[in-house]
Amino acid sequence: MPDKTSPPGMRPSQKRIDRWKSSAEFRLGQLMMLIGVVVLATAWVTEQAFMQVQSNRVITSFSTLLSHSNSEIQELSELLASDYGLRESLLTNDPYTIDSTLQNHRKRISAQRMLAISGDAQVIGDTDKRINKGTRLAQSGLAPIINQRITTLHISEGKLFRYARAVILAPNPAGELVVGYDMEQRLAKDAAELMNMNVAFACAVDKSNMRINRGSFSEAARPALEKLAQSPAAMLPWAHKAGSEKIAAILNLDTSTGERCIAILGESAPGSNNALLILEIFGWLTLIMGLAIFSISGLMARRTSKDLQA
């Protein structure tokens, strides 16, 4: 008996294909593929948001460490500026005593550099001996810090330093003490020990080159750090990794000399997100199963169609 529900002239093979398209297998395959795509898209968006939260947390932690180091360096400089031996060495103006006192104090607080400045702003002692005695601070390589009590980060001899200045009272102002720390070394060490955080620094040498100090990152991470540092905008790729270490954030640093300098921040042992991993696995499995069901039902429909045409 002819199928009165089908349009006139429709071939049996076409009717079978139409029935296949309305079959449970076809619908199930489509549904599972749709669920898989939605789940994967949800996982990707969630991962992006999760990484942004991680990035903000790492930046906040590092900024707190940076602020703490500022206060600590300033407090140390003021404490040493009140030292009796330092005040006496300035009053006697004995070069040997001044140099000896500065070296002792530098070692005492693990600073990288220490200078004594006279009341008329002349350098009378420099532990690095890079500035000749009698040179005015305003005419030296430290001129950018002359109006800063505690400096912004300062690039000196290709390294990132922070200097703090404190007035030496004897009892009237007799000069100033300038304390300098290698911040790349200090911050990388403190971040690794206190926060389980990796820190690298990239500072401009010229318009086309950046100097990389990988800090607490491993040597295996250097290629990834160099590639990232050379990006003009220092954009952080999604899920970027440096070897086995994860890069979480990039922070632009203000320098007193205006050179571009960034801190590349990562976590030594980034927390795993098992929920997102399970979601991604479920999405892929659902998508693959949907494709399999859809493909198998399609092959069966094609075979049925050929059998009917034969």
Protein backbone atom coordinates (compact mmCIF):
# COMPACT_ATOMS: atom_id res chain seq x y z
CA MET A 1 0.00 0.00 0.00
CA PRO A 2 1.55 3.39 -0.96
CA ASP A 3 2.63 5.86 1.72
CA LYS A 4 -0.02 8.59 1.46
CA THR A 5 1.86 10.82 3.97
CA SER A 6 4.80 11.33 1.59
CA PRO A 7 4.73 13.91 -1.19
CA PRO A 8 3.94 12.51 -4.65
CA GLY A 9 6.91 11.32 -6.60
CA MET A 10 9.22 10.86 -3.57
CA ARG A 11 11.52 7.87 -4.03
CA PRO A 12 11.78 5.19 -1.30
CA SER A 13 15.48 6.01 -0.75
CA GLN A 14 14.64 9.63 -0.05
CA LYS A 15 11.97 8.57 2.39
CA ARG A 16 14.52 6.41 4.21
CA ILE A 17 16.96 9.33 4.41
CA ASP A 18 14.23 11.58 5.78
CA ARG A 19 13.39 8.95 8.35
CA TRP A 20 17.09 8.73 9.26
CA LYS A 21 17.24 12.50 9.77
CA SER A 22 14.36 12.26 12.19
CA SER A 23 15.79 9.17 13.90
CA ALA A 24 16.92 9.08 17.54
CA GLU A 25 20.56 8.34 16.58
CA PHE A 26 20.80 11.41 14.36
CA ARG A 27 19.24 13.66 16.99
CA LEU A 28 21.37 12.19 19.75
CA GLY A 29 24.56 12.74 17.78
CA GLN A 30 23.65 16.35 17.08
CA LEU A 31 22.73 16.94 20.71
CA MET A 32 25.95 15.45 22.05
CA MET A 33 28.09 17.48 19.63
CA LEU A 34 26.26 20.63 20.66
CA ILE A 35 26.76 19.83 24.36
CA GLY A 36 30.45 19.14 23.75
CA VAL A 37 30.98 22.48 21.97
CA VAL A 38 29.10 24.37 24.70
CA VAL A 39 31.07 22.65 27.47
CA LEU A 40 34.42 23.34 25.78
CA ALA A 41 33.49 26.97 25.17
CA THR A 42 32.43 27.30 28.81
CA ALA A 43 35.70 25.71 29.96
CA TRP A 44 37.74 28.08 27.76
CA VAL A 45 35.93 31.19 29.06
CA THR A 46 36.22 29.94 32.64
CA GLU A 47 39.93 29.24 32.15
CA GLN A 48 40.45 32.77 30.86
CA ALA A 49 38.68 34.21 33.89
CA PHE A 50 40.61 31.90 36.22
CA MET A 51 43.92 32.99 34.70
CA GLN A 52 42.95 36.66 35.03
CA VAL A 53 42.21 36.13 38.72
CA GLN A 54 45.58 34.39 39.12
CA SER A 55 47.31 37.21 37.26
CA ASN A 56 45.71 39.88 39.46
CA ARG A 57 46.63 37.95 42.59
CA VAL A 58 50.27 37.57 41.53
CA ILE A 59 50.53 41.27 40.59
CA THR A 60 49.00 42.30 43.93
CA SER A 61 51.42 40.07 45.86
CA PHE A 62 54.44 41.38 43.98
CA SER A 63 53.30 45.00 44.33
CA THR A 64 52.98 44.45 48.09
CA LEU A 65 56.51 43.04 48.17
CA LEU A 66 57.76 46.01 46.14
CA SER A 67 56.10 48.47 48.52
CA HIS A 68 57.48 46.64 51.55
CA SER A 69 61.00 46.76 50.13
CA ASN A 70 60.67 50.52 49.64
CA SER A 71 59.79 51.03 53.31
CA GLU A 72 62.48 48.63 54.50
CA ILE A 73 65.24 50.30 52.49
CA GLN A 74 64.19 53.76 53.67
CA GLU A 75 64.12 52.64 57.31
CA LEU A 76 67.57 51.05 57.01
CA SER A 77 69.06 54.20 55.47
CA GLU A 78 67.61 56.39 58.25
CA LEU A 79 68.86 53.99 60.92
CA LEU A 80 72.40 53.99 59.54
CA ALA A 81 72.36 57.78 59.04
CA SER A 82 71.97 58.14 62.81
CA ASP A 83 75.02 55.94 63.51
CA TYR A 84 77.56 57.74 65.73
CA GLY A 85 80.61 56.46 63.84
CA LEU A 86 79.25 57.67 60.49
CA ARG A 87 78.48 61.12 61.88
CA GLU A 88 81.97 61.40 63.39
CA SER A 89 83.65 60.33 60.15
CA LEU A 90 81.84 63.10 58.27
CA LEU A 91 82.69 65.71 60.90
CA THR A 92 86.41 64.80 60.84
CA ASN A 93 86.33 64.60 57.03
CA ASP A 94 88.83 61.74 57.09
CA PRO A 95 88.58 59.94 53.70
CA TYR A 96 89.93 56.63 55.05
CA THR A 97 87.47 56.61 57.97
CA ILE A 98 84.58 57.54 55.72
CA ASP A 99 85.36 54.74 53.23
CA SER A 100 85.87 52.18 56.00
CA THR A 101 82.63 53.13 57.74
CA LEU A 102 80.64 52.98 54.51
CA GLN A 103 82.01 49.53 53.62
CA ASN A 104 81.21 48.18 57.09
CA HIS A 105 77.66 49.52 56.96
CA ARG A 106 77.13 48.21 53.43
CA LYS A 107 78.05 44.68 54.52
CA ARG A 108 76.00 45.04 57.68
CA ILE A 109 72.72 45.52 55.79
CA SER A 110 73.70 43.52 52.66
CA ALA A 111 73.44 46.55 50.38
CA GLN A 112 75.20 46.65 47.02
CA ARG A 113 76.32 50.28 47.21
CA MET A 114 76.60 53.12 49.72
CA LEU A 115 77.60 56.77 49.32
CA ALA A 116 78.20 59.69 51.65
CA ILE A 117 77.25 63.16 50.43
CA SER A 118 78.55 66.38 52.02
CA GLY A 119 76.35 69.27 53.07
CA ASP A 120 77.06 71.04 49.76
CA ALA A 121 75.95 67.96 47.74
CA GLN A 122 79.44 66.66 46.87
CA VAL A 123 80.27 62.94 46.91
CA ILE A 124 82.80 62.29 49.68
CA GLY A 125 82.58 58.50 49.70
CA ASP A 126 81.42 55.75 47.31
CA THR A 127 81.86 52.05 48.09
CA ASP A 128 81.87 51.29 44.35
CA LYS A 129 84.36 54.10 43.67
CA ARG A 130 82.51 54.91 40.45
CA ILE A 131 82.08 58.56 41.38
CA ASN A 132 85.18 60.60 42.11
CA LYS A 133 85.29 62.41 45.44
CA GLY A 134 84.35 66.05 45.14
CA THR A 135 81.93 65.39 42.24
CA ARG A 136 78.54 66.92 42.75
CA LEU A 137 75.73 64.40 42.86
CA ALA A 138 73.85 66.43 40.24
CA GLN A 139 76.75 65.89 37.81
CA SER A 140 77.04 62.14 38.36
CA GLY A 141 75.21 59.11 37.05
CA LEU A 142 72.88 59.39 40.05
CA ALA A 143 71.59 62.82 39.04
CA PRO A 144 68.04 61.45 38.42
CA ILE A 145 67.64 60.66 42.14
CA ILE A 146 68.67 64.09 43.41
CA ASN A 147 65.09 65.20 44.10
CA GLN A 148 63.88 61.87 45.44
CA ARG A 149 64.04 60.83 49.06
CA ILE A 150 63.48 57.22 48.09
CA THR A 151 63.87 56.67 44.39
CA THR A 152 61.76 54.93 41.88
CA LEU A 153 63.59 52.00 40.35
CA HIS A 154 66.78 53.33 38.81
CA ILE A 155 68.81 51.70 36.02
CA SER A 156 72.46 52.02 36.95
CA GLU A 157 75.30 50.27 35.10
CA GLY A 158 72.69 48.18 33.28
CA LYS A 159 71.10 46.93 36.53
CA LEU A 160 67.89 47.81 38.29
CA PHE A 161 68.68 49.59 41.57
CA ARG A 162 66.72 51.41 44.23
CA TYR A 163 68.40 54.16 46.20
CA ALA A 164 67.26 55.68 49.49
CA ARG A 165 68.60 58.95 50.90
CA ALA A 166 68.70 59.93 54.58
CA VAL A 167 69.95 63.11 56.21
CA ILE A 168 72.92 62.78 58.58
CA LEU A 169 72.43 65.00 61.63
CA ALA A 170 75.44 65.97 63.79
CA PRO A 171 73.30 67.56 65.36
CA ASN A 172 72.67 69.89 62.41
CA PRO A 173 72.50 68.47 58.86
CA ALA A 174 76.05 67.43 57.97
CA GLY A 175 75.31 65.58 54.75
CA GLU A 176 73.38 62.59 53.40
CA LEU A 177 73.72 58.84 53.27
CA VAL A 178 72.69 57.14 50.01
CA VAL A 179 71.98 53.40 50.17
CA GLY A 180 71.62 51.34 46.98
CA TYR A 181 70.19 47.86 46.51
CA ASP A 182 70.28 45.60 43.46
CA MET A 183 66.51 45.15 43.23
CA GLU A 184 66.62 42.38 40.63
CA GLN A 185 68.59 40.20 43.02
CA ARG A 186 66.69 41.29 46.13
CA LEU A 187 63.14 41.01 44.75
CA ALA A 188 63.74 37.69 43.00
CA LYS A 189 65.16 36.21 46.21
CA ASP A 190 62.38 37.55 48.46
CA ALA A 191 59.61 36.56 46.02
CA ALA A 192 60.95 33.00 45.74
CA GLU A 193 61.44 32.54 49.49
CA LEU A 194 58.35 34.35 50.81
CA MET A 195 55.76 33.82 48.08
CA ASN A 196 56.92 30.81 46.06
CA MET A 197 56.92 33.16 43.07
CA ASN A 198 59.30 33.30 40.10
CA VAL A 199 60.43 36.75 38.95
CA ALA A 200 62.44 37.78 35.90
CA PHE A 201 63.34 41.29 34.74
CA ALA A 202 63.65 42.65 31.22
CA CYS A 203 65.02 46.17 30.79
CA ALA A 204 65.73 48.12 27.61
CA VAL A 205 69.35 48.37 26.52
CA ASP A 206 68.42 50.35 23.41
CA LYS A 207 65.38 50.71 21.15
CA SER A 208 65.69 47.19 19.75
CA ASN A 209 67.26 45.14 22.55
CA MET A 210 66.19 44.06 26.01
CA ARG A 211 68.49 42.77 28.74
CA ILE A 212 67.07 39.68 30.44
CA ASN A 213 67.74 38.79 34.05
CA ARG A 214 65.89 35.50 34.56
CA GLY A 215 65.94 36.00 38.35
CA SER A 216 64.40 32.92 39.96
CA PHE A 217 63.26 31.32 36.67
CA SER A 218 65.27 28.31 35.49
CA GLU A 219 67.67 28.44 32.57
CA ALA A 220 65.19 26.40 30.53
CA ALA A 221 62.77 29.33 30.71
CA ARG A 222 65.14 31.83 29.06
CA PRO A 223 63.90 31.40 25.42
CA ALA A 224 60.30 32.01 26.48
CA LEU A 225 61.31 35.01 28.59
CA GLU A 226 63.30 36.54 25.73
CA LYS A 227 60.45 36.06 23.27
CA LEU A 228 58.01 37.66 25.67
CA ALA A 229 60.30 40.58 26.53
CA GLN A 230 60.82 41.52 22.87
CA SER A 231 57.08 42.05 22.35
CA PRO A 232 56.57 45.84 22.11
CA ALA A 233 53.43 45.76 24.23
CA ALA A 234 54.64 42.87 26.40
CA MET A 235 51.36 41.05 25.87
CA LEU A 236 50.88 37.88 27.84
CA PRO A 237 49.71 34.94 25.71
CA TRP A 238 46.96 32.72 27.03
CA ALA A 239 48.33 29.82 29.11
CA HIS A 240 51.92 30.87 28.37
CA LYS A 241 54.59 28.61 29.75
CA ALA A 242 58.34 28.99 30.19
CA GLY A 243 59.59 25.43 30.19
CA SER A 244 57.81 23.72 33.08
CA GLU A 245 57.10 27.07 34.75
CA LYS A 246 53.95 29.07 34.20
CA ILE A 247 54.11 32.81 33.48
CA ALA A 248 51.18 34.43 35.27
CA ALA A 249 51.59 38.18 34.74
CA ILE A 250 53.68 41.04 33.38
CA LEU A 251 54.11 44.28 35.30
CA ASN A 252 55.52 47.51 33.86
CA LEU A 253 57.98 49.14 36.27
CA ASP A 254 58.49 52.88 36.66
CA THR A 255 62.15 53.89 36.40
CA SER A 256 63.71 57.22 37.32
CA THR A 257 65.57 57.26 34.01
CA GLY A 258 62.50 56.47 31.91
CA GLU A 259 63.80 53.25 30.30
CA ARG A 260 61.27 50.50 29.64
CA CYS A 261 61.54 47.78 32.23
CA ILE A 262 59.15 44.96 33.05
CA ALA A 263 58.84 42.29 35.70
CA ILE A 264 57.74 38.88 34.41
CA LEU A 265 55.95 37.04 37.19
CA GLY A 266 55.22 33.35 37.55
CA GLU A 267 54.51 30.75 40.15
CA SER A 268 57.01 28.05 41.07
CA ALA A 269 54.17 25.65 41.77
CA PRO A 270 50.97 27.06 40.23
CA GLY A 271 47.81 25.62 41.71
CA SER A 272 46.01 23.10 39.54
CA ASN A 273 42.39 23.61 38.60
CA ASN A 274 40.99 20.08 38.64
CA ALA A 275 37.41 21.25 38.10
CA LEU A 276 38.33 22.92 34.80
CA LEU A 277 40.35 19.88 33.72
CA ILE A 278 37.38 17.58 34.37
CA LEU A 279 35.09 19.98 32.49
CA GLU A 280 37.41 20.02 29.46
CA ILE A 281 37.73 16.22 29.44
CA PHE A 282 33.94 15.87 29.65
CA GLY A 283 33.52 18.35 26.77
CA TRP A 284 35.95 16.50 24.50
CA LEU A 285 34.47 13.08 25.32
CA THR A 286 30.94 14.33 24.66
CA LEU A 287 31.98 15.93 21.38
CA ILE A 288 33.84 12.80 20.19
CA MET A 289 30.98 10.49 21.15
CA GLY A 290 28.51 12.77 19.37
CA LEU A 291 30.64 12.75 16.22
CA ALA A 292 30.94 8.96 16.40
CA ILE A 293 27.18 8.43 16.76
CA PHE A 294 26.45 10.96 14.02
CA SER A 295 28.99 9.36 11.65
CA ILE A 296 27.84 5.79 12.28
CA SER A 297 24.19 6.66 11.77
CA GLY A 298 25.10 8.53 8.57
CA LEU A 299 27.03 5.55 7.20
CA MET A 300 24.11 3.27 7.99
CA ALA A 301 21.71 5.62 6.18
CA ARG A 302 23.97 5.76 3.10
CA ARG A 303 24.23 1.95 3.02
CA THR A 304 20.45 1.61 3.29
CA SER A 305 20.00 4.13 0.50
CA LYS A 306 22.38 2.24 -1.82
CA ASP A 307 20.65 -1.06 -1.05
CA LEU A 308 17.30 0.43 -1.99
CA GLN A 309 18.69 1.93 -5.21
CA ALA A 310 20.29 -1.37 -6.27
